[in-house]
């Protein structure tokens, strides 16, 4: 699969998800949340993957949420429920260790 905001590679039993928006210190936006969720799903289904590494490109791991697009929304709480919660739930229920580096 081709991603726009992350890099995904898998080798020797380890999948590496790299947040790849270094110009904004890897701040999450909607496409990144969706792509990380898809990459987690792919790693979960891949029987050769035994562990995951979550890292960031450039000088920062992740600066949090990109607030510019969120300002246009009605409710930040709804954004968290609709976007972040599914991603975090997938991380928490994944039966493979995740290392944040």
C-alpha atoms as a PDB file:
ATOM      1  CA  UNK A   1       0.000   0.000   0.000  1.00  0.00           C
ATOM      2  CA  UNK A   2       1.154   3.528  -0.742  1.00  0.00           C
ATOM      3  CA  UNK A   3       1.023   6.024   2.101  1.00  0.00           C
ATOM      4  CA  UNK A   4       1.269   9.822   1.958  1.00  0.00           C
ATOM      5  CA  UNK A   5       2.042  10.686   5.597  1.00  0.00           C
ATOM      6  CA  UNK A   6       3.853   7.613   6.922  1.00  0.00           C
ATOM      7  CA  UNK A   7       6.483   5.129   5.842  1.00  0.00           C
ATOM      8  CA  UNK A   8       5.920   1.417   6.453  1.00  0.00           C
ATOM      9  CA  UNK A   9       8.473  -1.317   6.119  1.00  0.00           C
ATOM     10  CA  UNK A  10       8.769  -4.822   7.463  1.00  0.00           C
ATOM     11  CA  UNK A  11      11.868  -7.003   7.750  1.00  0.00           C
ATOM     12  CA  UNK A  12      13.104  -9.791   9.982  1.00  0.00           C
ATOM     13  CA  UNK A  13       9.900  -9.906  12.020  1.00  0.00           C
ATOM     14  CA  UNK A  14       9.787  -6.171  12.783  1.00  0.00           C
ATOM     15  CA  UNK A  15       7.447  -3.651  11.179  1.00  0.00           C
ATOM     16  CA  UNK A  16       8.525  -0.016  11.325  1.00  0.00           C
ATOM     17  CA  UNK A  17       5.928   2.747  11.067  1.00  0.00           C
ATOM     18  CA  UNK A  18       7.591   6.134  10.558  1.00  0.00           C
ATOM     19  CA  UNK A  19       5.492   9.266  10.964  1.00  0.00           C
ATOM     20  CA  UNK A  20       6.585  11.273   7.925  1.00  0.00           C
ATOM     21  CA  UNK A  21       5.533  14.902   8.218  1.00  0.00           C
ATOM     22  CA  UNK A  22       8.836  16.359   9.482  1.00  0.00           C
ATOM     23  CA  UNK A  23       7.947  19.876   8.290  1.00  0.00           C
ATOM     24  CA  UNK A  24       5.314  20.025  11.081  1.00  0.00           C
ATOM     25  CA  UNK A  25       7.277  17.847  13.531  1.00  0.00           C
ATOM     26  CA  UNK A  26       5.141  14.834  12.549  1.00  0.00           C
ATOM     27  CA  UNK A  27       1.928  16.355  13.876  1.00  0.00           C
ATOM     28  CA  UNK A  28      -1.085  14.118  13.298  1.00  0.00           C
ATOM     29  CA  UNK A  29      -3.718  15.085  10.758  1.00  0.00           C
ATOM     30  CA  UNK A  30      -6.683  13.002   9.578  1.00  0.00           C
ATOM     31  CA  UNK A  31      -4.806  11.226   6.768  1.00  0.00           C
ATOM     32  CA  UNK A  32      -1.973  10.284   9.133  1.00  0.00           C
ATOM     33  CA  UNK A  33      -4.388   8.892  11.720  1.00  0.00           C
ATOM     34  CA  UNK A  34      -6.066   6.783   9.034  1.00  0.00           C
ATOM     35  CA  UNK A  35      -2.759   5.596   7.586  1.00  0.00           C
ATOM     36  CA  UNK A  36      -1.308   4.645  10.978  1.00  0.00           C
ATOM     37  CA  UNK A  37      -4.504   2.709  11.705  1.00  0.00           C
ATOM     38  CA  UNK A  38      -4.205   0.907   8.345  1.00  0.00           C
ATOM     39  CA  UNK A  39      -0.526   0.121   8.949  1.00  0.00           C
ATOM     40  CA  UNK A  40      -1.332  -1.268  12.401  1.00  0.00           C
ATOM     41  CA  UNK A  41      -4.014  -3.445  10.828  1.00  0.00           C
ATOM     42  CA  UNK A  42      -1.524  -4.660   8.184  1.00  0.00           C
ATOM     43  CA  UNK A  43       1.083  -5.510  10.839  1.00  0.00           C
ATOM     44  CA  UNK A  44      -1.552  -7.287  12.912  1.00  0.00           C
ATOM     45  CA  UNK A  45      -2.551  -9.500   9.969  1.00  0.00           C
ATOM     46  CA  UNK A  46       1.033 -10.247   8.915  1.00  0.00           C
ATOM     47  CA  UNK A  47       2.084 -13.427  10.719  1.00  0.00           C
ATOM     48  CA  UNK A  48       5.766 -12.708  10.020  1.00  0.00           C
ATOM     49  CA  UNK A  49       5.622  -9.479  12.069  1.00  0.00           C
ATOM     50  CA  UNK A  50       6.393 -10.136  15.729  1.00  0.00           C
ATOM     51  CA  UNK A  51       6.912  -6.538  16.914  1.00  0.00           C
ATOM     52  CA  UNK A  52       6.392  -2.944  15.765  1.00  0.00           C
ATOM     53  CA  UNK A  53       8.483   0.187  16.051  1.00  0.00           C
ATOM     54  CA  UNK A  54       6.711   3.545  15.855  1.00  0.00           C
ATOM     55  CA  UNK A  55       9.077   6.416  15.121  1.00  0.00           C
ATOM     56  CA  UNK A  56       9.189   9.849  13.518  1.00  0.00           C
ATOM     57  CA  UNK A  57      11.121  11.281  10.581  1.00  0.00           C
ATOM     58  CA  UNK A  58      13.349  14.282  11.120  1.00  0.00           C
ATOM     59  CA  UNK A  59      14.081  15.897  14.456  1.00  0.00           C
ATOM     60  CA  UNK A  60      10.848  15.055  16.288  1.00  0.00           C
ATOM     61  CA  UNK A  61       8.927  11.923  17.157  1.00  0.00           C
ATOM     62  CA  UNK A  62       5.506  13.594  17.115  1.00  0.00           C
ATOM     63  CA  UNK A  63       4.376  17.040  18.222  1.00  0.00           C
ATOM     64  CA  UNK A  64       0.761  15.923  18.731  1.00  0.00           C
ATOM     65  CA  UNK A  65      -2.299  16.982  16.758  1.00  0.00           C
ATOM     66  CA  UNK A  66      -2.033  19.408  13.859  1.00  0.00           C
ATOM     67  CA  UNK A  67      -4.475  21.980  15.234  1.00  0.00           C
ATOM     68  CA  UNK A  68      -4.946  24.019  12.069  1.00  0.00           C
ATOM     69  CA  UNK A  69      -7.504  21.672  10.419  1.00  0.00           C
ATOM     70  CA  UNK A  70      -9.149  20.880  13.770  1.00  0.00           C
ATOM     71  CA  UNK A  71      -9.997  24.544  14.417  1.00  0.00           C
ATOM     72  CA  UNK A  72     -12.556  24.340  11.645  1.00  0.00           C
ATOM     73  CA  UNK A  73     -14.432  21.528  13.387  1.00  0.00           C
ATOM     74  CA  UNK A  74     -17.434  21.825  15.618  1.00  0.00           C
ATOM     75  CA  UNK A  75     -16.098  19.647  18.415  1.00  0.00           C
ATOM     76  CA  UNK A  76     -12.570  18.579  19.268  1.00  0.00           C
ATOM     77  CA  UNK A  77     -14.060  15.925  21.589  1.00  0.00           C
ATOM     78  CA  UNK A  78     -15.921  14.407  18.640  1.00  0.00           C
ATOM     79  CA  UNK A  79     -12.681  14.416  16.647  1.00  0.00           C
ATOM     80  CA  UNK A  80     -10.992  12.460  19.437  1.00  0.00           C
ATOM     81  CA  UNK A  81     -13.821   9.918  19.597  1.00  0.00           C
ATOM     82  CA  UNK A  82     -14.102   9.470  15.834  1.00  0.00           C
ATOM     83  CA  UNK A  83     -10.410   9.513  14.850  1.00  0.00           C
ATOM     84  CA  UNK A  84      -7.969   8.986  17.727  1.00  0.00           C
ATOM     85  CA  UNK A  85      -9.888   6.420  19.754  1.00  0.00           C
ATOM     86  CA  UNK A  86      -9.996   3.784  16.968  1.00  0.00           C
ATOM     87  CA  UNK A  87      -6.249   4.188  16.386  1.00  0.00           C
ATOM     88  CA  UNK A  88      -5.373   3.962  20.083  1.00  0.00           C
ATOM     89  CA  UNK A  89      -7.748   1.031  20.576  1.00  0.00           C
ATOM     90  CA  UNK A  90      -6.006  -0.820  17.745  1.00  0.00           C
ATOM     91  CA  UNK A  91      -2.642  -0.172  19.432  1.00  0.00           C
ATOM     92  CA  UNK A  92      -3.908  -1.369  22.804  1.00  0.00           C
ATOM     93  CA  UNK A  93      -5.493  -4.545  21.473  1.00  0.00           C
ATOM     94  CA  UNK A  94      -2.639  -5.490  19.155  1.00  0.00           C
ATOM     95  CA  UNK A  95      -1.133  -8.743  20.386  1.00  0.00           C
ATOM     96  CA  UNK A  96       2.352  -7.652  19.339  1.00  0.00           C
ATOM     97  CA  UNK A  97       4.644  -5.316  21.290  1.00  0.00           C
ATOM     98  CA  UNK A  98       4.950  -1.720  20.078  1.00  0.00           C
ATOM     99  CA  UNK A  99       8.105   0.264  20.748  1.00  0.00           C
ATOM    100  CA  UNK A 100       7.913   4.052  20.441  1.00  0.00           C
ATOM    101  CA  UNK A 101      11.300   5.448  19.474  1.00  0.00           C
END
